[in-house]
PDB file of N, CA and C in Angstrom:
ATOM      1  N   UNK A   1     -15.733  11.398  14.987  1.00  0.00           N
ATOM      2  CA  UNK A   1     -15.486  10.582  13.815  1.00  0.00           C
ATOM      3  C   UNK A   1     -16.075  11.279  12.588  1.00  0.00           C
ATOM      4  N   UNK A   2     -15.337  11.248  11.491  1.00  0.00           N
ATOM      5  CA  UNK A   2     -15.760  11.892  10.250  1.00  0.00           C
ATOM      6  C   UNK A   2     -16.635  10.919   9.462  1.00  0.00           C
ATOM      7  N   UNK A   3     -17.750  11.409   8.950  1.00  0.00           N
ATOM      8  CA  UNK A   3     -18.648  10.565   8.165  1.00  0.00           C
ATOM      9  C   UNK A   3     -18.166  10.491   6.720  1.00  0.00           C
ATOM     10  N   UNK A   4     -18.699   9.529   5.981  1.00  0.00           N
ATOM     11  CA  UNK A   4     -18.362   9.403   4.560  1.00  0.00           C
ATOM     12  C   UNK A   4     -18.734  10.660   3.790  1.00  0.00           C
ATOM     13  N   UNK A   5     -19.865  11.250   4.132  1.00  0.00           N
ATOM     14  CA  UNK A   5     -20.307  12.472   3.455  1.00  0.00           C
ATOM     15  C   UNK A   5     -19.319  13.608   3.694  1.00  0.00           C
ATOM     16  N   UNK A   6     -18.823  13.729   4.907  1.00  0.00           N
ATOM     17  CA  UNK A   6     -17.845  14.772   5.212  1.00  0.00           C
ATOM     18  C   UNK A   6     -16.533  14.538   4.461  1.00  0.00           C
ATOM     19  N   UNK A   7     -16.118  13.301   4.381  1.00  0.00           N
ATOM     20  CA  UNK A   7     -14.889  12.974   3.644  1.00  0.00           C
ATOM     21  C   UNK A   7     -15.062  13.324   2.170  1.00  0.00           C
ATOM     22  N   UNK A   8     -16.202  12.957   1.595  1.00  0.00           N
ATOM     23  CA  UNK A   8     -16.453  13.270   0.181  1.00  0.00           C
ATOM     24  C   UNK A   8     -16.465  14.784  -0.053  1.00  0.00           C
ATOM     25  N   UNK A   9     -17.057  15.512   0.862  1.00  0.00           N
ATOM     26  CA  UNK A   9     -17.098  16.974   0.744  1.00  0.00           C
ATOM     27  C   UNK A   9     -15.686  17.546   0.783  1.00  0.00           C
ATOM     28  N   UNK A  10     -14.852  17.039   1.684  1.00  0.00           N
ATOM     29  CA  UNK A  10     -13.464  17.489   1.764  1.00  0.00           C
ATOM     30  C   UNK A  10     -12.706  17.189   0.473  1.00  0.00           C
ATOM     31  N   UNK A  11     -12.938  16.008  -0.090  1.00  0.00           N
ATOM     32  CA  UNK A  11     -12.266  15.623  -1.333  1.00  0.00           C
ATOM     33  C   UNK A  11     -12.688  16.535  -2.470  1.00  0.00           C
ATOM     34  N   UNK A  12     -13.970  16.820  -2.578  1.00  0.00           N
ATOM     35  CA  UNK A  12     -14.462  17.704  -3.641  1.00  0.00           C
ATOM     36  C   UNK A  12     -13.838  19.092  -3.501  1.00  0.00           C
ATOM     37  N   UNK A  13     -13.739  19.593  -2.282  1.00  0.00           N
ATOM     38  CA  UNK A  13     -13.099  20.904  -2.064  1.00  0.00           C
ATOM     39  C   UNK A  13     -11.651  20.885  -2.535  1.00  0.00           C
ATOM     40  N   UNK A  14     -10.941  19.814  -2.214  1.00  0.00           N
ATOM     41  CA  UNK A  14      -9.549  19.697  -2.644  1.00  0.00           C
ATOM     42  C   UNK A  14      -9.442  19.613  -4.163  1.00  0.00           C
ATOM     43  N   UNK A  15     -10.346  18.874  -4.774  1.00  0.00           N
ATOM     44  CA  UNK A  15     -10.339  18.739  -6.236  1.00  0.00           C
ATOM     45  C   UNK A  15     -10.551  20.093  -6.888  1.00  0.00           C
ATOM     46  N   UNK A  16     -11.438  20.890  -6.340  1.00  0.00           N
ATOM     47  CA  UNK A  16     -11.707  22.223  -6.901  1.00  0.00           C
ATOM     48  C   UNK A  16     -10.494  23.141  -6.824  1.00  0.00           C
ATOM     49  N   UNK A  17      -9.537  22.852  -5.953  1.00  0.00           N
ATOM     50  CA  UNK A  17      -8.327  23.674  -5.827  1.00  0.00           C
ATOM     51  C   UNK A  17      -7.180  23.151  -6.691  1.00  0.00           C
ATOM     52  N   UNK A  18      -7.336  22.014  -7.322  1.00  0.00           N
ATOM     53  CA  UNK A  18      -6.268  21.424  -8.127  1.00  0.00           C
ATOM     54  C   UNK A  18      -6.129  22.211  -9.435  1.00  0.00           C
ATOM     55  N   UNK A  19      -4.895  22.519  -9.822  1.00  0.00           N
ATOM     56  CA  UNK A  19      -4.684  23.223 -11.091  1.00  0.00           C
ATOM     57  C   UNK A  19      -5.167  22.392 -12.278  1.00  0.00           C
ATOM     58  N   UNK A  20      -5.593  23.067 -13.305  1.00  0.00           N
ATOM     59  CA  UNK A  20      -6.154  22.417 -14.494  1.00  0.00           C
ATOM     60  C   UNK A  20      -5.162  21.431 -15.106  1.00  0.00           C
ATOM     61  N   UNK A  21      -3.889  21.754 -15.096  1.00  0.00           N
ATOM     62  CA  UNK A  21      -2.902  20.872 -15.718  1.00  0.00           C
ATOM     63  C   UNK A  21      -2.697  19.567 -14.952  1.00  0.00           C
ATOM     64  N   UNK A  22      -3.242  19.446 -13.763  1.00  0.00           N
ATOM     65  CA  UNK A  22      -3.136  18.218 -12.964  1.00  0.00           C
ATOM     66  C   UNK A  22      -4.412  17.364 -13.019  1.00  0.00           C
ATOM     67  N   UNK A  23      -5.454  17.850 -13.663  1.00  0.00           N
ATOM     68  CA  UNK A  23      -6.734  17.136 -13.673  1.00  0.00           C
ATOM     69  C   UNK A  23      -6.646  15.789 -14.383  1.00  0.00           C
ATOM     70  N   UNK A  24      -5.900  15.714 -15.468  1.00  0.00           N
ATOM     71  CA  UNK A  24      -5.755  14.439 -16.196  1.00  0.00           C
ATOM     72  C   UNK A  24      -5.094  13.399 -15.300  1.00  0.00           C
ATOM     73  N   UNK A  25      -4.065  13.817 -14.579  1.00  0.00           N
ATOM     74  CA  UNK A  25      -3.376  12.916 -13.656  1.00  0.00           C
ATOM     75  C   UNK A  25      -4.324  12.427 -12.554  1.00  0.00           C
ATOM     76  N   UNK A  26      -5.139  13.335 -12.038  1.00  0.00           N
ATOM     77  CA  UNK A  26      -6.123  12.970 -11.011  1.00  0.00           C
ATOM     78  C   UNK A  26      -7.159  12.004 -11.574  1.00  0.00           C
ATOM     79  N   UNK A  27      -7.613  12.277 -12.795  1.00  0.00           N
ATOM     80  CA  UNK A  27      -8.608  11.402 -13.420  1.00  0.00           C
ATOM     81  C   UNK A  27      -8.046   9.995 -13.608  1.00  0.00           C
ATOM     82  N   UNK A  28      -6.805   9.900 -14.033  1.00  0.00           N
ATOM     83  CA  UNK A  28      -6.164   8.589 -14.197  1.00  0.00           C
ATOM     84  C   UNK A  28      -6.076   7.857 -12.862  1.00  0.00           C
ATOM     85  N   UNK A  29      -5.718   8.593 -11.815  1.00  0.00           N
ATOM     86  CA  UNK A  29      -5.614   7.992 -10.493  1.00  0.00           C
ATOM     87  C   UNK A  29      -6.969   7.467 -10.014  1.00  0.00           C
ATOM     88  N   UNK A  30      -8.004   8.281 -10.164  1.00  0.00           N
ATOM     89  CA  UNK A  30      -9.347   7.872  -9.728  1.00  0.00           C
ATOM     90  C   UNK A  30      -9.838   6.687 -10.553  1.00  0.00           C
ATOM     91  N   UNK A  31      -9.533   6.697 -11.841  1.00  0.00           N
ATOM     92  CA  UNK A  31      -9.926   5.567 -12.692  1.00  0.00           C
ATOM     93  C   UNK A  31      -9.265   4.286 -12.215  1.00  0.00           C
ATOM     94  N   UNK A  32      -8.004   4.376 -11.791  1.00  0.00           N
ATOM     95  CA  UNK A  32      -7.310   3.204 -11.259  1.00  0.00           C
ATOM     96  C   UNK A  32      -7.974   2.686 -10.001  1.00  0.00           C
ATOM     97  N   UNK A  33      -8.429   3.592  -9.150  1.00  0.00           N
ATOM     98  CA  UNK A  33      -9.144   3.179  -7.941  1.00  0.00           C
ATOM     99  C   UNK A  33     -10.447   2.477  -8.291  1.00  0.00           C
ATOM    100  N   UNK A  34     -11.147   3.010  -9.281  1.00  0.00           N
ATOM    101  CA  UNK A  34     -12.422   2.404  -9.689  1.00  0.00           C
ATOM    102  C   UNK A  34     -12.217   1.014 -10.265  1.00  0.00           C
ATOM    103  N   UNK A  35     -11.154   0.823 -11.046  1.00  0.00           N
ATOM    104  CA  UNK A  35     -10.897  -0.487 -11.644  1.00  0.00           C
ATOM    105  C   UNK A  35     -10.719  -1.546 -10.574  1.00  0.00           C
ATOM    106  N   UNK A  36     -10.038  -1.203  -9.496  1.00  0.00           N
ATOM    107  CA  UNK A  36      -9.853  -2.154  -8.406  1.00  0.00           C
ATOM    108  C   UNK A  36     -11.169  -2.569  -7.792  1.00  0.00           C
ATOM    109  N   UNK A  37     -12.088  -1.637  -7.665  1.00  0.00           N
ATOM    110  CA  UNK A  37     -13.401  -1.923  -7.085  1.00  0.00           C
ATOM    111  C   UNK A  37     -14.203  -2.811  -8.021  1.00  0.00           C
ATOM    112  N   UNK A  38     -14.152  -2.531  -9.309  1.00  0.00           N
ATOM    113  CA  UNK A  38     -14.908  -3.325 -10.282  1.00  0.00           C
ATOM    114  C   UNK A  38     -14.389  -4.753 -10.308  1.00  0.00           C
ATOM    115  N   UNK A  39     -13.077  -4.931 -10.319  1.00  0.00           N
ATOM    116  CA  UNK A  39     -12.511  -6.285 -10.342  1.00  0.00           C
ATOM    117  C   UNK A  39     -12.912  -7.067  -9.099  1.00  0.00           C
ATOM    118  N   UNK A  40     -12.832  -6.430  -7.960  1.00  0.00           N
ATOM    119  CA  UNK A  40     -13.190  -7.116  -6.720  1.00  0.00           C
ATOM    120  C   UNK A  40     -14.655  -7.503  -6.711  1.00  0.00           C
ATOM    121  N   UNK A  41     -15.517  -6.633  -7.199  1.00  0.00           N
ATOM    122  CA  UNK A  41     -16.935  -6.963  -7.178  1.00  0.00           C
ATOM    123  C   UNK A  41     -17.246  -8.088  -8.161  1.00  0.00           C
ATOM    124  N   UNK A  42     -16.536  -8.131  -9.294  1.00  0.00           N
ATOM    125  CA  UNK A  42     -16.739  -9.235 -10.231  1.00  0.00           C
ATOM    126  C   UNK A  42     -16.313 -10.548  -9.596  1.00  0.00           C
ATOM    127  N   UNK A  43     -15.195 -10.531  -8.925  1.00  0.00           N
ATOM    128  CA  UNK A  43     -14.715 -11.743  -8.258  1.00  0.00           C
ATOM    129  C   UNK A  43     -15.686 -12.167  -7.172  1.00  0.00           C
ATOM    130  N   UNK A  44     -16.125 -11.219  -6.385  1.00  0.00           N
ATOM    131  CA  UNK A  44     -17.040 -11.537  -5.295  1.00  0.00           C
ATOM    132  C   UNK A  44     -18.408 -11.988  -5.793  1.00  0.00           C
ATOM    133  N   UNK A  45     -18.747 -11.686  -7.035  1.00  0.00           N
ATOM    134  CA  UNK A  45     -20.036 -12.124  -7.559  1.00  0.00           C
ATOM    135  C   UNK A  45     -20.120 -13.646  -7.655  1.00  0.00           C
ATOM    136  N   UNK A  46     -18.972 -14.327  -7.617  1.00  0.00           N
ATOM    137  CA  UNK A  46     -18.951 -15.789  -7.659  1.00  0.00           C
ATOM    138  C   UNK A  46     -19.058 -16.416  -6.271  1.00  0.00           C
ATOM    139  N   UNK A  47     -19.029 -15.589  -5.251  1.00  0.00           N
ATOM    140  CA  UNK A  47     -19.065 -16.112  -3.883  1.00  0.00           C
ATOM    141  C   UNK A  47     -20.319 -16.941  -3.657  1.00  0.00           C
ATOM    142  N   UNK A  48     -20.132 -18.134  -3.163  1.00  0.00           N
ATOM    143  CA  UNK A  48     -21.245 -18.996  -2.802  1.00  0.00           C
ATOM    144  C   UNK A  48     -21.845 -19.813  -3.932  1.00  0.00           C
ATOM    145  N   UNK A  49     -21.287 -19.726  -5.138  1.00  0.00           N
ATOM    146  CA  UNK A  49     -21.899 -20.452  -6.251  1.00  0.00           C
ATOM    147  C   UNK A  49     -21.806 -21.972  -6.096  1.00  0.00           C
ATOM    148  N   UNK A  50     -20.859 -22.441  -5.291  1.00  0.00           N
ATOM    149  CA  UNK A  50     -20.702 -23.877  -5.103  1.00  0.00           C
ATOM    150  C   UNK A  50     -21.266 -24.341  -3.773  1.00  0.00           C
ATOM    151  N   UNK A  51     -21.996 -23.505  -3.086  1.00  0.00           N
ATOM    152  CA  UNK A  51     -22.445 -23.884  -1.741  1.00  0.00           C
ATOM    153  C   UNK A  51     -23.414 -25.061  -1.749  1.00  0.00           C
ATOM    154  N   UNK A  52     -24.142 -25.268  -2.846  1.00  0.00           N
ATOM    155  CA  UNK A  52     -25.109 -26.357  -2.916  1.00  0.00           C
ATOM    156  C   UNK A  52     -24.606 -27.547  -3.730  1.00  0.00           C
ATOM    157  N   UNK A  53     -23.309 -27.575  -4.005  1.00  0.00           N
ATOM    158  CA  UNK A  53     -22.771 -28.667  -4.824  1.00  0.00           C
ATOM    159  C   UNK A  53     -22.816 -29.977  -4.030  1.00  0.00           C
ATOM    160  N   UNK A  54     -23.137 -31.026  -4.710  1.00  0.00           N
ATOM    161  CA  UNK A  54     -23.204 -32.353  -4.105  1.00  0.00           C
ATOM    162  C   UNK A  54     -21.811 -32.769  -3.639  1.00  0.00           C
ATOM    163  N   UNK A  55     -21.721 -33.389  -2.473  1.00  0.00           N
ATOM    164  CA  UNK A  55     -20.423 -33.794  -1.917  1.00  0.00           C
ATOM    165  C   UNK A  55     -19.667 -34.742  -2.843  1.00  0.00           C
ATOM    166  N   UNK A  56     -20.366 -35.651  -3.471  1.00  0.00           N
ATOM    167  CA  UNK A  56     -19.711 -36.605  -4.370  1.00  0.00           C
ATOM    168  C   UNK A  56     -19.113 -35.883  -5.582  1.00  0.00           C
ATOM    169  N   UNK A  57     -19.827 -34.920  -6.119  1.00  0.00           N
ATOM    170  CA  UNK A  57     -19.320 -34.146  -7.261  1.00  0.00           C
ATOM    171  C   UNK A  57     -18.106 -33.333  -6.834  1.00  0.00           C
ATOM    172  N   UNK A  58     -18.190 -32.696  -5.680  1.00  0.00           N
ATOM    173  CA  UNK A  58     -17.076 -31.895  -5.177  1.00  0.00           C
ATOM    174  C   UNK A  58     -15.833 -32.762  -4.973  1.00  0.00           C
ATOM    175  N   UNK A  59     -16.012 -33.914  -4.371  1.00  0.00           N
ATOM    176  CA  UNK A  59     -14.875 -34.815  -4.152  1.00  0.00           C
ATOM    177  C   UNK A  59     -14.286 -35.298  -5.465  1.00  0.00           C
ATOM    178  N   UNK A  60     -15.129 -35.598  -6.430  1.00  0.00           N
ATOM    179  CA  UNK A  60     -14.656 -36.029  -7.751  1.00  0.00           C
ATOM    180  C   UNK A  60     -13.813 -34.932  -8.391  1.00  0.00           C
ATOM    181  N   UNK A  61     -14.283 -33.687  -8.311  1.00  0.00           N
ATOM    182  CA  UNK A  61     -13.553 -32.570  -8.902  1.00  0.00           C
ATOM    183  C   UNK A  61     -12.201 -32.359  -8.214  1.00  0.00           C
ATOM    184  N   UNK A  62     -12.198 -32.374  -6.904  1.00  0.00           N
ATOM    185  CA  UNK A  62     -10.956 -32.090  -6.187  1.00  0.00           C
ATOM    186  C   UNK A  62      -9.987 -33.258  -6.207  1.00  0.00           C
ATOM    187  N   UNK A  63     -10.473 -34.466  -6.108  1.00  0.00           N
ATOM    188  CA  UNK A  63      -9.578 -35.629  -6.096  1.00  0.00           C
ATOM    189  C   UNK A  63      -8.915 -35.860  -7.444  1.00  0.00           C
ATOM    190  N   UNK A  64      -9.593 -35.510  -8.511  1.00  0.00           N
ATOM    191  CA  UNK A  64      -9.067 -35.744  -9.852  1.00  0.00           C
ATOM    192  C   UNK A  64      -8.623 -34.454 -10.542  1.00  0.00           C
ATOM    193  N   UNK A  65      -8.394 -33.416  -9.776  1.00  0.00           N
ATOM    194  CA  UNK A  65      -8.077 -32.114 -10.342  1.00  0.00           C
ATOM    195  C   UNK A  65      -6.841 -32.150 -11.237  1.00  0.00           C
ATOM    196  N   UNK A  66      -5.773 -32.701 -10.736  1.00  0.00           N
ATOM    197  CA  UNK A  66      -4.514 -32.716 -11.495  1.00  0.00           C
ATOM    198  C   UNK A  66      -4.660 -33.539 -12.772  1.00  0.00           C
ATOM    199  N   UNK A  67      -5.237 -34.711 -12.668  1.00  0.00           N
ATOM    200  CA  UNK A  67      -5.375 -35.550 -13.873  1.00  0.00           C
ATOM    201  C   UNK A  67      -6.333 -34.915 -14.882  1.00  0.00           C
ATOM    202  N   UNK A  68      -7.390 -34.275 -14.403  1.00  0.00           N
ATOM    203  CA  UNK A  68      -8.311 -33.585 -15.319  1.00  0.00           C
ATOM    204  C   UNK A  68      -7.612 -32.446 -16.044  1.00  0.00           C
ATOM    205  N   UNK A  69      -6.794 -31.697 -15.333  1.00  0.00           N
ATOM    206  CA  UNK A  69      -6.069 -30.579 -15.967  1.00  0.00           C
ATOM    207  C   UNK A  69      -5.064 -31.095 -16.984  1.00  0.00           C
ATOM    208  N   UNK A  70      -4.364 -32.148 -16.656  1.00  0.00           N
ATOM    209  CA  UNK A  70      -3.384 -32.697 -17.590  1.00  0.00           C
ATOM    210  C   UNK A  70      -4.068 -33.251 -18.835  1.00  0.00           C
ATOM    211  N   UNK A  71      -5.201 -33.882 -18.664  1.00  0.00           N
ATOM    212  CA  UNK A  71      -5.925 -34.463 -19.794  1.00  0.00           C
ATOM    213  C   UNK A  71      -6.479 -33.377 -20.709  1.00  0.00           C
ATOM    214  N   UNK A  72      -6.901 -32.265 -20.139  1.00  0.00           N
ATOM    215  CA  UNK A  72      -7.536 -31.207 -20.914  1.00  0.00           C
ATOM    216  C   UNK A  72      -6.572 -30.100 -21.342  1.00  0.00           C
ATOM    217  N   UNK A  73      -5.316 -30.238 -20.978  1.00  0.00           N
ATOM    218  CA  UNK A  73      -4.344 -29.199 -21.299  1.00  0.00           C
ATOM    219  C   UNK A  73      -4.106 -29.122 -22.803  1.00  0.00           C
ATOM    220  N   UNK A  74      -4.121 -27.916 -23.304  1.00  0.00           N
ATOM    221  CA  UNK A  74      -3.846 -27.723 -24.727  1.00  0.00           C
ATOM    222  C   UNK A  74      -2.341 -27.694 -24.946  1.00  0.00           C
ATOM    223  N   UNK A  75      -1.930 -28.259 -26.026  1.00  0.00           N
ATOM    224  CA  UNK A  75      -0.503 -28.266 -26.346  1.00  0.00           C
ATOM    225  C   UNK A  75      -0.178 -27.044 -27.203  1.00  0.00           C
ATOM    226  N   UNK A  76       0.999 -26.552 -27.029  1.00  0.00           N
ATOM    227  CA  UNK A  76       1.424 -25.348 -27.763  1.00  0.00           C
ATOM    228  C   UNK A  76       1.496 -25.633 -29.262  1.00  0.00           C
ATOM    229  N   UNK A  77       1.889 -26.811 -29.633  1.00  0.00           N
ATOM    230  CA  UNK A  77       2.080 -27.114 -31.051  1.00  0.00           C
ATOM    231  C   UNK A  77       0.789 -27.479 -31.778  1.00  0.00           C
ATOM    232  N   UNK A  78      -0.347 -27.461 -31.087  1.00  0.00           N
ATOM    233  CA  UNK A  78      -1.609 -27.799 -31.760  1.00  0.00           C
ATOM    234  C   UNK A  78      -2.160 -26.609 -32.496  1.00  0.00           C
TER     235      UNK A  78
END
């Protein structure tokens, strides 16, 4: 089995062989990969924030969700 360090070393070797005119394209691709990781970590940072919520509060929020959204909805013409 290949370790993460070995994979990274292989990638760096491949990058060093890439022609200069392709580096911008590679940078854009890697930046796209990084953005996906950042978004996921931001989303996951909210994991568990409601774990200690009171059952009555949770039920109130979920049972009245539709009516609360309709009441608080902004109108386009405002």
